[in-house]
Amino acid sequence: MRVKEIMDEKHAFIYEDELATKARATIRDLALRILPVVGEHRKLLGTVSRRTVMIISSSISPIRVKGIMADPKITALADDDVNETVRKMIKLDEWQIPVVNSVQEKACVGVLGLENFIAATIKTSPEKFSKNVSELMSKNVVTRSPEDEVDNIWRLMQTKSLAGLPVVKKDKLIGIVTERDLLEKGTTLPTFEAKKGRFMAPSKVSSIMRTGIVTVEPSIKAIRVAKIMVSKDIGRVPVVDEDGKLLGIVDREDIARLIFE
């Protein structure tokens, strides 16, 4: 299977001279993880991510996209083998990467995400997901309290490269906070957000965390989690016992890695 067979051809992109605030709004409004940055003839120049645009401290910032974009760790060719490409993505901890037409032109033609690979495998080889969640979940999960300050959560995500954190109270899962939540709530650089920003930052995690989240028990088969991730565009699913105690977490990388076992 080739990358072009499963990549997202309609994924949004942005030009290097556009405002960085537009990149932030695009990523926020379309719930994107990355946004390819292009120049003339859609030549790929770099990417911006949720984490990147969260450094913008005001909705009226004059910064241009080219001032915050970064070189992608990995770029795929449309004709590349999917399995080899995804193996590289997992090794580099990249969930989405830009796809170009050729080494010479480097025209951006789409984005390949682990979710595309998982969705394709569900259709062609569902037996790959036969293990119980307990066999692949991460047990040493970094968690936070609903009383923690948003500033500290944001910095923790930055320093430890975490995209989401379960929120627990007395060992029981009560919610989750992700980069997507922070961006949607306007909590970019919480302490330093300009007064003219989209929102003033809430001070406590309880103000922005999502509740009523999808969870699974450890005996559930991985296929069910894979389908949940694809259908609901969820990056991670907490694993709890019958009393709601957090036991672990399964993310897209865990599911994608399972396919190669």
C-alpha atoms as a PDB file:
ATOM      1  CA  MET A   1       0.000   0.000   0.000  1.00  0.00           C
ATOM      2  CA  ARG A   2       1.257   3.486  -0.899  1.00  0.00           C
ATOM      3  CA  VAL A   3       0.939   6.668   1.105  1.00  0.00           C
ATOM      4  CA  LYS A   4      -1.211   8.311  -1.567  1.00  0.00           C
ATOM      5  CA  GLU A   5      -3.856   5.604  -1.139  1.00  0.00           C
ATOM      6  CA  ILE A   6      -4.724   6.572   2.436  1.00  0.00           C
ATOM      7  CA  MET A   7      -3.438  10.138   2.984  1.00  0.00           C
ATOM      8  CA  ASP A   8      -5.761  13.091   3.526  1.00  0.00           C
ATOM      9  CA  GLU A   9      -5.665  14.924   0.198  1.00  0.00           C
ATOM     10  CA  LYS A  10      -8.006  17.674   1.414  1.00  0.00           C
ATOM     11  CA  HIS A  11      -5.964  18.646   4.454  1.00  0.00           C
ATOM     12  CA  ALA A  12      -5.634  22.404   4.887  1.00  0.00           C
ATOM     13  CA  PHE A  13      -2.375  24.277   4.281  1.00  0.00           C
ATOM     14  CA  ILE A  14      -1.217  27.859   4.700  1.00  0.00           C
ATOM     15  CA  TYR A  15       1.160  30.211   2.894  1.00  0.00           C
ATOM     16  CA  GLU A  16       4.352  31.418   4.564  1.00  0.00           C
ATOM     17  CA  ASP A  17       3.445  35.130   4.375  1.00  0.00           C
ATOM     18  CA  GLU A  18       0.036  34.780   6.027  1.00  0.00           C
ATOM     19  CA  LEU A  19      -0.453  35.841   9.618  1.00  0.00           C
ATOM     20  CA  ALA A  20       0.457  33.355  12.322  1.00  0.00           C
ATOM     21  CA  THR A  21      -2.850  34.161  14.006  1.00  0.00           C
ATOM     22  CA  LYS A  22      -4.604  32.761  10.920  1.00  0.00           C
ATOM     23  CA  ALA A  23      -2.616  29.554  11.344  1.00  0.00           C
ATOM     24  CA  ARG A  24      -3.720  29.386  14.960  1.00  0.00           C
ATOM     25  CA  ALA A  25      -7.373  29.962  14.027  1.00  0.00           C
ATOM     26  CA  THR A  26      -7.204  27.350  11.255  1.00  0.00           C
ATOM     27  CA  ILE A  27      -5.678  24.716  13.513  1.00  0.00           C
ATOM     28  CA  ARG A  28      -8.190  25.529  16.250  1.00  0.00           C
ATOM     29  CA  ASP A  29     -11.317  25.685  14.087  1.00  0.00           C
ATOM     30  CA  LEU A  30     -10.536  22.595  12.002  1.00  0.00           C
ATOM     31  CA  ALA A  31      -9.132  20.632  14.970  1.00  0.00           C
ATOM     32  CA  LEU A  32      -5.851  20.010  13.142  1.00  0.00           C
ATOM     33  CA  ARG A  33      -2.625  18.710  14.614  1.00  0.00           C
ATOM     34  CA  ILE A  34      -0.324  20.120  11.972  1.00  0.00           C
ATOM     35  CA  LEU A  35      -0.641  22.669   9.183  1.00  0.00           C
ATOM     36  CA  PRO A  36       1.750  22.463   6.229  1.00  0.00           C
ATOM     37  CA  VAL A  37       3.332  25.768   5.202  1.00  0.00           C
ATOM     38  CA  VAL A  38       3.765  26.283   1.468  1.00  0.00           C
ATOM     39  CA  GLY A  39       5.181  28.769  -0.990  1.00  0.00           C
ATOM     40  CA  GLU A  40       4.805  29.185  -4.736  1.00  0.00           C
ATOM     41  CA  HIS A  41       3.366  26.145  -6.536  1.00  0.00           C
ATOM     42  CA  ARG A  42       2.505  24.725  -3.118  1.00  0.00           C
ATOM     43  CA  LYS A  43       6.138  23.870  -2.443  1.00  0.00           C
ATOM     44  CA  LEU A  44       6.437  22.580   1.122  1.00  0.00           C
ATOM     45  CA  LEU A  45       8.493  24.952   3.274  1.00  0.00           C
ATOM     46  CA  GLY A  46       7.698  23.728   6.778  1.00  0.00           C
ATOM     47  CA  THR A  47       4.901  23.020   9.220  1.00  0.00           C
ATOM     48  CA  VAL A  48       3.231  24.590  12.218  1.00  0.00           C
ATOM     49  CA  SER A  49       1.552  22.572  14.962  1.00  0.00           C
ATOM     50  CA  ARG A  50      -0.812  23.103  17.874  1.00  0.00           C
ATOM     51  CA  ARG A  51       2.174  23.481  20.142  1.00  0.00           C
ATOM     52  CA  THR A  52       3.776  25.986  17.782  1.00  0.00           C
ATOM     53  CA  VAL A  53       0.772  28.304  17.490  1.00  0.00           C
ATOM     54  CA  MET A  54       0.237  28.280  21.247  1.00  0.00           C
ATOM     55  CA  ILE A  55       3.241  30.578  21.613  1.00  0.00           C
ATOM     56  CA  ILE A  56       1.276  33.391  19.999  1.00  0.00           C
ATOM     57  CA  SER A  57       0.153  35.559  22.904  1.00  0.00           C
ATOM     58  CA  SER A  58      -2.374  37.811  21.181  1.00  0.00           C
ATOM     59  CA  SER A  59      -5.071  37.607  18.512  1.00  0.00           C
ATOM     60  CA  ILE A  60      -3.581  40.747  16.924  1.00  0.00           C
ATOM     61  CA  SER A  61       0.006  39.512  16.697  1.00  0.00           C
ATOM     62  CA  PRO A  62       1.807  40.745  13.512  1.00  0.00           C
ATOM     63  CA  ILE A  63       3.993  37.616  13.319  1.00  0.00           C
ATOM     64  CA  ARG A  64       3.930  35.807   9.971  1.00  0.00           C
ATOM     65  CA  VAL A  65       3.731  32.047   9.556  1.00  0.00           C
ATOM     66  CA  LYS A  66       7.307  31.873   8.291  1.00  0.00           C
ATOM     67  CA  GLY A  67       8.398  33.276  11.663  1.00  0.00           C
ATOM     68  CA  ILE A  68       7.063  30.283  13.612  1.00  0.00           C
ATOM     69  CA  MET A  69       7.203  27.389  11.155  1.00  0.00           C
ATOM     70  CA  ALA A  70       9.658  24.527  11.624  1.00  0.00           C
ATOM     71  CA  ASP A  71      11.198  21.891   9.391  1.00  0.00           C
ATOM     72  CA  PRO A  72       9.205  18.638   9.632  1.00  0.00           C
ATOM     73  CA  LYS A  73      11.084  15.757  11.245  1.00  0.00           C
ATOM     74  CA  ILE A  74       9.913  13.530   8.422  1.00  0.00           C
ATOM     75  CA  THR A  75       8.227  14.082   5.066  1.00  0.00           C
ATOM     76  CA  ALA A  76       6.660  11.334   2.971  1.00  0.00           C
ATOM     77  CA  LEU A  77       6.471  10.942  -0.774  1.00  0.00           C
ATOM     78  CA  ALA A  78       3.067  10.049  -2.196  1.00  0.00           C
ATOM     79  CA  ASP A  79       4.515   6.828  -3.623  1.00  0.00           C
ATOM     80  CA  ASP A  80       6.288   5.748  -0.435  1.00  0.00           C
ATOM     81  CA  ASP A  81       5.362   2.453   1.204  1.00  0.00           C
ATOM     82  CA  VAL A  82       2.887   3.082   4.019  1.00  0.00           C
ATOM     83  CA  ASN A  83       4.284   0.499   6.430  1.00  0.00           C
ATOM     84  CA  GLU A  84       7.832   1.813   6.173  1.00  0.00           C
ATOM     85  CA  THR A  85       6.635   5.396   6.542  1.00  0.00           C
ATOM     86  CA  VAL A  86       4.523   4.705   9.609  1.00  0.00           C
ATOM     87  CA  ARG A  87       7.382   2.811  11.249  1.00  0.00           C
ATOM     88  CA  LYS A  88       9.496   5.949  10.862  1.00  0.00           C
ATOM     89  CA  MET A  89       6.679   8.099  12.250  1.00  0.00           C
ATOM     90  CA  ILE A  90       6.392   5.942  15.346  1.00  0.00           C
ATOM     91  CA  LYS A  91      10.147   6.001  15.879  1.00  0.00           C
ATOM     92  CA  LEU A  92      10.141   9.810  15.731  1.00  0.00           C
ATOM     93  CA  ASP A  93       6.898  10.152  17.744  1.00  0.00           C
ATOM     94  CA  GLU A  94       5.144  11.934  14.878  1.00  0.00           C
ATOM     95  CA  TRP A  95       1.394  11.415  14.537  1.00  0.00           C
ATOM     96  CA  GLN A  96       0.943  13.391  11.322  1.00  0.00           C
ATOM     97  CA  ILE A  97       3.376  14.320   8.561  1.00  0.00           C
ATOM     98  CA  PRO A  98       3.172  16.266   5.282  1.00  0.00           C
ATOM     99  CA  VAL A  99       3.213  14.416   1.959  1.00  0.00           C
ATOM    100  CA  VAL A 100       4.870  15.775  -1.196  1.00  0.00           C
ATOM    101  CA  ASN A 101       4.647  14.708  -4.830  1.00  0.00           C
ATOM    102  CA  SER A 102       8.365  14.336  -5.528  1.00  0.00           C
ATOM    103  CA  VAL A 103      11.831  15.050  -4.165  1.00  0.00           C
ATOM    104  CA  GLN A 104      12.387  17.609  -6.922  1.00  0.00           C
ATOM    105  CA  GLU A 105       9.144  19.631  -6.809  1.00  0.00           C
ATOM    106  CA  LYS A 106       8.256  19.075  -3.135  1.00  0.00           C
ATOM    107  CA  ALA A 107       4.671  20.163  -3.791  1.00  0.00           C
ATOM    108  CA  CYS A 108       2.468  19.439  -0.784  1.00  0.00           C
ATOM    109  CA  VAL A 109      -0.281  17.019  -1.814  1.00  0.00           C
ATOM    110  CA  GLY A 110      -1.670  16.015   1.567  1.00  0.00           C
ATOM    111  CA  VAL A 111      -1.026  14.824   5.093  1.00  0.00           C
ATOM    112  CA  LEU A 112      -0.580  11.291   6.402  1.00  0.00           C
ATOM    113  CA  GLY A 113      -1.768  10.604   9.938  1.00  0.00           C
ATOM    114  CA  LEU A 114      -1.637   7.525  12.132  1.00  0.00           C
ATOM    115  CA  GLU A 115      -5.435   7.687  12.078  1.00  0.00           C
ATOM    116  CA  ASN A 116      -5.388   7.087   8.294  1.00  0.00           C
ATOM    117  CA  PHE A 117      -3.185   4.034   8.767  1.00  0.00           C
ATOM    118  CA  ILE A 118      -5.325   2.681  11.609  1.00  0.00           C
ATOM    119  CA  ALA A 119      -8.552   3.192   9.636  1.00  0.00           C
ATOM    120  CA  ALA A 120      -7.134   1.377   6.606  1.00  0.00           C
ATOM    121  CA  THR A 121      -5.940  -1.541   8.738  1.00  0.00           C
ATOM    122  CA  ILE A 122      -9.333  -1.877  10.441  1.00  0.00           C
ATOM    123  CA  LYS A 123     -10.805  -2.519   6.985  1.00  0.00           C
ATOM    124  CA  THR A 124      -8.118  -4.841   5.645  1.00  0.00           C
ATOM    125  CA  SER A 125      -6.727  -6.652   8.708  1.00  0.00           C
ATOM    126  CA  PRO A 126      -8.994  -6.299  11.762  1.00  0.00           C
ATOM    127  CA  GLU A 127      -7.327  -9.346  13.316  1.00  0.00           C
ATOM    128  CA  LYS A 128      -4.296  -7.135  14.023  1.00  0.00           C
ATOM    129  CA  PHE A 129      -6.273  -5.607  16.901  1.00  0.00           C
ATOM    130  CA  SER A 130      -7.127  -8.793  18.763  1.00  0.00           C
ATOM    131  CA  LYS A 131      -5.178  -8.023  21.955  1.00  0.00           C
ATOM    132  CA  ASN A 132      -6.808  -6.755  25.134  1.00  0.00           C
ATOM    133  CA  VAL A 133      -6.226  -3.112  26.015  1.00  0.00           C
ATOM    134  CA  SER A 134      -4.423  -4.212  29.198  1.00  0.00           C
ATOM    135  CA  GLU A 135      -1.608  -5.632  27.060  1.00  0.00           C
ATOM    136  CA  LEU A 136      -0.734  -2.382  25.331  1.00  0.00           C
ATOM    137  CA  MET A 137      -1.777   0.450  27.637  1.00  0.00           C
ATOM    138  CA  SER A 138       0.773   2.716  29.317  1.00  0.00           C
ATOM    139  CA  LYS A 139       0.505   2.306  33.073  1.00  0.00           C
ATOM    140  CA  ASN A 140       2.791   5.088  34.299  1.00  0.00           C
ATOM    141  CA  VAL A 141       0.486   7.933  33.382  1.00  0.00           C
ATOM    142  CA  VAL A 142       1.220  11.552  34.237  1.00  0.00           C
ATOM    143  CA  THR A 143      -1.953  13.002  35.769  1.00  0.00           C
ATOM    144  CA  ARG A 144      -3.077  16.266  37.282  1.00  0.00           C
ATOM    145  CA  SER A 145      -5.659  17.528  39.755  1.00  0.00           C
ATOM    146  CA  PRO A 146      -8.632  19.714  38.800  1.00  0.00           C
ATOM    147  CA  GLU A 147      -7.178  22.351  41.141  1.00  0.00           C
ATOM    148  CA  ASP A 148      -3.876  22.621  39.273  1.00  0.00           C
ATOM    149  CA  GLU A 149      -3.245  25.910  37.491  1.00  0.00           C
ATOM    150  CA  VAL A 150      -3.571  25.969  33.721  1.00  0.00           C
ATOM    151  CA  ASP A 151      -0.202  27.739  33.444  1.00  0.00           C
ATOM    152  CA  ASN A 152       1.580  24.777  35.008  1.00  0.00           C
ATOM    153  CA  ILE A 153      -0.269  22.238  32.865  1.00  0.00           C
ATOM    154  CA  TRP A 154       0.684  24.096  29.701  1.00  0.00           C
ATOM    155  CA  ARG A 155       4.342  24.242  30.697  1.00  0.00           C
ATOM    156  CA  LEU A 156       4.361  20.559  31.657  1.00  0.00           C
ATOM    157  CA  MET A 157       3.001  19.653  28.229  1.00  0.00           C
ATOM    158  CA  GLN A 158       5.703  21.756  26.626  1.00  0.00           C
ATOM    159  CA  THR A 159       8.646  20.391  28.611  1.00  0.00           C
ATOM    160  CA  LYS A 160       7.605  16.728  28.497  1.00  0.00           C
ATOM    161  CA  SER A 161       6.066  16.794  24.992  1.00  0.00           C
ATOM    162  CA  LEU A 162       2.688  15.640  26.279  1.00  0.00           C
ATOM    163  CA  ALA A 163      -0.400  16.295  24.174  1.00  0.00           C
ATOM    164  CA  GLY A 164      -2.919  15.321  26.848  1.00  0.00           C
ATOM    165  CA  LEU A 165      -3.210  14.721  30.580  1.00  0.00           C
ATOM    166  CA  PRO A 166      -5.901  12.810  32.502  1.00  0.00           C
ATOM    167  CA  VAL A 167      -7.386  14.711  35.433  1.00  0.00           C
ATOM    168  CA  VAL A 168      -7.953  12.651  38.569  1.00  0.00           C
ATOM    169  CA  LYS A 169      -9.430  13.210  42.016  1.00  0.00           C
ATOM    170  CA  LYS A 170      -8.896  10.612  44.734  1.00  0.00           C
ATOM    171  CA  ASP A 171      -7.457   8.247  42.099  1.00  0.00           C
ATOM    172  CA  LYS A 172     -10.623   8.416  40.001  1.00  0.00           C
ATOM    173  CA  LEU A 173     -10.681   9.830  36.492  1.00  0.00           C
ATOM    174  CA  ILE A 174     -12.899  12.908  36.247  1.00  0.00           C
ATOM    175  CA  GLY A 175     -11.728  14.471  32.994  1.00  0.00           C
ATOM    176  CA  ILE A 176      -8.928  15.122  30.557  1.00  0.00           C
ATOM    177  CA  VAL A 177      -7.138  18.222  29.285  1.00  0.00           C
ATOM    178  CA  THR A 178      -5.351  18.309  25.928  1.00  0.00           C
ATOM    179  CA  GLU A 179      -3.528  20.803  23.747  1.00  0.00           C
ATOM    180  CA  ARG A 180      -6.686  20.961  21.682  1.00  0.00           C
ATOM    181  CA  ASP A 181      -8.678  21.997  24.755  1.00  0.00           C
ATOM    182  CA  LEU A 182      -6.155  24.692  25.637  1.00  0.00           C
ATOM    183  CA  LEU A 183      -6.245  26.061  22.118  1.00  0.00           C
ATOM    184  CA  GLU A 184     -10.029  26.000  21.843  1.00  0.00           C
ATOM    185  CA  LYS A 185     -10.357  27.839  25.139  1.00  0.00           C
ATOM    186  CA  GLY A 186      -7.855  30.457  24.050  1.00  0.00           C
ATOM    187  CA  THR A 187      -5.360  29.578  26.772  1.00  0.00           C
ATOM    188  CA  THR A 188      -2.206  30.260  24.784  1.00  0.00           C
ATOM    189  CA  LEU A 189       0.669  31.195  27.052  1.00  0.00           C
ATOM    190  CA  PRO A 190      -1.861  31.524  29.910  1.00  0.00           C
ATOM    191  CA  THR A 191       0.025  33.862  32.219  1.00  0.00           C
ATOM    192  CA  PHE A 192       1.040  36.225  29.456  1.00  0.00           C
ATOM    193  CA  GLU A 193      -2.092  36.269  27.302  1.00  0.00           C
ATOM    194  CA  ALA A 194      -2.745  39.799  26.094  1.00  0.00           C
ATOM    195  CA  LYS A 195      -5.922  41.502  27.257  1.00  0.00           C
ATOM    196  CA  LYS A 196      -7.045  41.725  23.658  1.00  0.00           C
ATOM    197  CA  GLY A 197      -6.672  37.963  23.246  1.00  0.00           C
ATOM    198  CA  ARG A 198      -9.570  35.668  22.444  1.00  0.00           C
ATOM    199  CA  PHE A 199     -10.251  34.824  26.081  1.00  0.00           C
ATOM    200  CA  MET A 200      -8.681  35.527  29.413  1.00  0.00           C
ATOM    201  CA  ALA A 201      -7.135  32.310  30.635  1.00  0.00           C
ATOM    202  CA  PRO A 202      -8.988  30.307  33.280  1.00  0.00           C
ATOM    203  CA  SER A 203      -6.841  29.694  36.324  1.00  0.00           C
ATOM    204  CA  LYS A 204      -7.805  26.113  37.143  1.00  0.00           C
ATOM    205  CA  VAL A 205      -7.784  22.926  35.107  1.00  0.00           C
ATOM    206  CA  SER A 206     -11.379  22.289  36.174  1.00  0.00           C
ATOM    207  CA  SER A 207     -12.392  25.297  34.065  1.00  0.00           C
ATOM    208  CA  ILE A 208     -11.158  23.825  30.793  1.00  0.00           C
ATOM    209  CA  MET A 209     -11.006  20.042  31.185  1.00  0.00           C
ATOM    210  CA  ARG A 210     -13.401  17.850  29.231  1.00  0.00           C
ATOM    211  CA  THR A 211     -15.686  15.587  31.225  1.00  0.00           C
ATOM    212  CA  GLY A 212     -17.881  12.736  30.098  1.00  0.00           C
ATOM    213  CA  ILE A 213     -14.941  11.363  28.135  1.00  0.00           C
ATOM    214  CA  VAL A 214     -14.782   7.995  26.418  1.00  0.00           C
ATOM    215  CA  THR A 215     -13.112   5.341  28.585  1.00  0.00           C
ATOM    216  CA  VAL A 216     -12.652   1.588  28.335  1.00  0.00           C
ATOM    217  CA  GLU A 217     -11.981  -1.248  30.738  1.00  0.00           C
ATOM    218  CA  PRO A 218      -8.741  -3.278  30.458  1.00  0.00           C
ATOM    219  CA  SER A 219     -10.508  -6.374  29.087  1.00  0.00           C
ATOM    220  CA  ILE A 220     -11.776  -4.519  26.010  1.00  0.00           C
ATOM    221  CA  LYS A 221     -10.234  -5.557  22.692  1.00  0.00           C
ATOM    222  CA  ALA A 222      -7.927  -3.110  20.917  1.00  0.00           C
ATOM    223  CA  ILE A 223     -10.188  -3.156  17.846  1.00  0.00           C
ATOM    224  CA  ARG A 224     -12.847  -1.290  19.791  1.00  0.00           C
ATOM    225  CA  VAL A 225     -10.395   1.409  20.842  1.00  0.00           C
ATOM    226  CA  ALA A 226      -9.093   1.688  17.286  1.00  0.00           C
ATOM    227  CA  LYS A 227     -12.609   2.276  15.964  1.00  0.00           C
ATOM    228  CA  ILE A 228     -13.310   4.864  18.667  1.00  0.00           C
ATOM    229  CA  MET A 229     -10.136   6.776  17.828  1.00  0.00           C
ATOM    230  CA  VAL A 230     -10.981   6.880  14.128  1.00  0.00           C
ATOM    231  CA  SER A 231     -14.701   7.641  14.393  1.00  0.00           C
ATOM    232  CA  LYS A 232     -14.383  10.298  17.108  1.00  0.00           C
ATOM    233  CA  ASP A 233     -10.956  11.687  16.140  1.00  0.00           C
ATOM    234  CA  ILE A 234      -9.602  10.890  19.600  1.00  0.00           C
ATOM    235  CA  GLY A 235      -5.877  10.663  20.187  1.00  0.00           C
ATOM    236  CA  ARG A 236      -5.943   8.785  23.488  1.00  0.00           C
ATOM    237  CA  VAL A 237      -8.402   6.709  25.524  1.00  0.00           C
ATOM    238  CA  PRO A 238      -8.094   6.296  29.312  1.00  0.00           C
ATOM    239  CA  VAL A 239      -8.412   2.797  30.765  1.00  0.00           C
ATOM    240  CA  VAL A 240     -10.363   2.528  34.024  1.00  0.00           C
ATOM    241  CA  ASP A 241     -11.683  -0.186  36.325  1.00  0.00           C
ATOM    242  CA  GLU A 242     -15.342  -0.649  37.200  1.00  0.00           C
ATOM    243  CA  ASP A 243     -15.052   1.981  39.933  1.00  0.00           C
ATOM    244  CA  GLY A 244     -13.605   4.624  37.631  1.00  0.00           C
ATOM    245  CA  LYS A 245     -10.032   4.340  38.924  1.00  0.00           C
ATOM    246  CA  LEU A 246      -7.472   5.217  36.267  1.00  0.00           C
ATOM    247  CA  LEU A 247      -5.358   2.184  35.339  1.00  0.00           C
ATOM    248  CA  GLY A 248      -3.616   3.397  32.198  1.00  0.00           C
ATOM    249  CA  ILE A 249      -4.011   5.054  28.837  1.00  0.00           C
ATOM    250  CA  VAL A 250      -3.873   3.950  25.200  1.00  0.00           C
ATOM    251  CA  ASP A 251      -2.938   6.379  22.436  1.00  0.00           C
ATOM    252  CA  ARG A 252      -2.791   6.247  18.645  1.00  0.00           C
ATOM    253  CA  GLU A 253       0.860   5.311  18.682  1.00  0.00           C
ATOM    254  CA  ASP A 254       0.114   2.257  20.868  1.00  0.00           C
ATOM    255  CA  ILE A 255      -2.560   1.147  18.412  1.00  0.00           C
ATOM    256  CA  ALA A 256      -0.390   1.766  15.335  1.00  0.00           C
ATOM    257  CA  ARG A 257       2.551  -0.068  16.914  1.00  0.00           C
ATOM    258  CA  LEU A 258       0.295  -3.066  17.563  1.00  0.00           C
ATOM    259  CA  ILE A 259      -0.240  -3.475  13.806  1.00  0.00           C
ATOM    260  CA  PHE A 260       3.430  -4.352  13.319  1.00  0.00           C
ATOM    261  CA  GLU A 261       3.583  -7.059  15.994  1.00  0.00           C
END
